[in-house]
Amino acid sequence: MSDEELIEQPTIQFTEEQKQAIDDFIVACKNMIVDMTPVFNKVFETLKAIAQSINDFTDEIKSYPNKRVVYLCFYAKKERTRNKNMNRVLRWSRQQKKRKEADRWTNTKI
């Protein structure tokens, strides 16, 4: 269709009942958006916390001294090898956390 044909097409006239139904639908949509905003905020806060913990975990993995072990955590051929190397990294990470906590308490002055 050309632009001239589109201009010549008659416009649809809505009845008052149809206009009222459209207005009611718009109001219902606005109310739904207002009511759902706190829910979406909660969901985004939760997802943000999850993403932060994943980011922290990847930073811990990247800080492992033996990069070959880190590589094998993800790309080893056998699942057993991947699990073994992941457990090495996790054990090292737990030890680092315990050392940090111990250092924090030993450096506290009373």
Protein backbone atom coordinates (compact mmCIF):
# COMPACT_ATOMS: atom_id res chain seq x y z
CA MET A 1 0.00 0.00 0.00
CA SER A 2 1.17 3.46 -0.77
CA ASP A 3 1.02 6.34 1.67
CA GLU A 4 -1.92 7.87 -0.18
CA GLU A 5 -3.96 4.67 0.19
CA LEU A 6 -3.24 4.55 3.91
CA ILE A 7 -4.37 8.15 4.31
CA GLU A 8 -7.61 7.50 2.45
CA GLN A 9 -8.58 4.51 4.64
CA PRO A 10 -11.36 5.35 7.08
CA THR A 11 -10.46 5.50 10.75
CA ILE A 12 -12.22 3.25 13.22
CA GLN A 13 -14.63 5.02 15.52
CA PHE A 14 -14.89 3.51 18.99
CA THR A 15 -18.09 3.51 20.95
CA GLU A 16 -18.20 5.06 24.41
CA GLU A 17 -18.23 1.57 25.98
CA GLN A 18 -15.09 0.61 24.05
CA LYS A 19 -13.36 3.84 25.04
CA GLN A 20 -14.28 3.22 28.69
CA ALA A 21 -12.98 -0.37 28.46
CA ILE A 22 -9.67 0.87 27.01
CA ASP A 23 -9.35 3.50 29.75
CA ASP A 24 -10.10 0.87 32.43
CA PHE A 25 -7.48 -1.43 30.91
CA ILE A 26 -4.87 1.35 30.98
CA VAL A 27 -5.64 2.11 34.63
CA ALA A 28 -5.41 -1.60 35.51
CA CYS A 29 -2.02 -1.86 33.76
CA LYS A 30 -0.71 1.19 35.63
CA ASN A 31 -1.90 -0.25 38.95
CA MET A 32 -0.28 -3.58 38.14
CA ILE A 33 3.03 -1.87 37.39
CA VAL A 34 2.87 0.10 40.64
CA ASP A 35 2.04 -3.05 42.64
CA MET A 36 4.79 -5.13 41.01
CA THR A 37 7.59 -2.57 41.45
CA PRO A 38 8.53 -3.67 45.02
CA VAL A 39 8.54 -7.30 43.92
CA PHE A 40 10.90 -6.54 41.05
CA ASN A 41 13.13 -4.53 43.37
CA LYS A 42 13.38 -7.50 45.75
CA VAL A 43 14.18 -9.86 42.87
CA PHE A 44 16.89 -7.53 41.57
CA GLU A 45 18.43 -7.19 45.04
CA THR A 46 18.55 -10.97 45.36
CA LEU A 47 20.06 -11.38 41.90
CA LYS A 48 22.60 -8.69 42.70
CA ALA A 49 23.68 -10.58 45.83
CA ILE A 50 23.96 -13.82 43.88
CA ALA A 51 25.99 -12.15 41.14
CA GLN A 52 28.28 -10.60 43.76
CA SER A 53 28.93 -13.97 45.40
CA ILE A 54 29.67 -15.55 42.01
CA ASN A 55 32.03 -12.67 41.23
CA ASP A 56 33.79 -13.12 44.59
CA PHE A 57 34.14 -16.85 43.96
CA THR A 58 35.66 -16.31 40.51
CA ASP A 59 38.08 -13.78 42.02
CA GLU A 60 39.13 -16.38 44.58
CA ILE A 61 39.67 -18.96 41.87
CA LYS A 62 41.73 -16.51 39.83
CA SER A 63 43.93 -15.76 42.85
CA TYR A 64 44.91 -19.42 43.30
CA PRO A 65 48.70 -19.61 42.92
CA ASN A 66 48.85 -22.62 40.57
CA LYS A 67 47.14 -21.57 37.34
CA ARG A 68 47.35 -25.09 35.94
CA VAL A 69 45.02 -26.33 38.69
CA VAL A 70 42.58 -23.54 37.88
CA TYR A 71 42.66 -24.50 34.21
CA LEU A 72 42.04 -28.15 35.07
CA CYS A 73 39.05 -27.17 37.24
CA PHE A 74 37.18 -26.19 34.12
CA TYR A 75 38.77 -27.91 31.15
CA ALA A 76 40.07 -31.28 32.33
CA LYS A 77 38.96 -34.18 30.17
CA LYS A 78 37.64 -36.31 33.02
CA GLU A 79 35.04 -35.21 35.53
CA ARG A 80 37.02 -36.79 38.34
CA THR A 81 40.02 -34.59 37.52
CA ARG A 82 37.83 -31.48 37.37
CA ASN A 83 36.31 -32.29 40.77
CA LYS A 84 39.69 -33.04 42.33
CA ASN A 85 41.15 -29.74 41.20
CA MET A 86 38.04 -27.79 42.19
CA ASN A 87 38.28 -29.30 45.66
CA ARG A 88 41.93 -28.23 45.85
CA VAL A 89 40.95 -24.66 45.06
CA LEU A 90 38.04 -24.72 47.52
CA ARG A 91 40.21 -26.16 50.30
CA TRP A 92 42.83 -23.46 49.67
CA SER A 93 40.11 -20.78 49.68
CA ARG A 94 38.74 -21.99 53.03
CA GLN A 95 42.23 -21.99 54.51
CA GLN A 96 42.78 -18.42 53.29
CA LYS A 97 39.53 -17.30 54.93
CA LYS A 98 40.51 -18.94 58.22
CA ARG A 99 43.92 -17.26 58.09
CA LYS A 100 42.34 -13.87 57.46
CA GLU A 101 40.00 -14.33 60.41
CA ALA A 102 42.86 -15.43 62.64
CA ASP A 103 44.93 -12.44 61.57
CA ARG A 104 42.04 -10.14 62.30
CA TRP A 105 41.72 -11.45 65.84
CA THR A 106 45.46 -11.48 66.55
CA ASN A 107 45.78 -7.86 65.35
CA THR A 108 42.96 -6.67 67.62
CA LYS A 109 44.19 -4.53 70.49
CA ILE A 110 42.45 -4.74 73.83
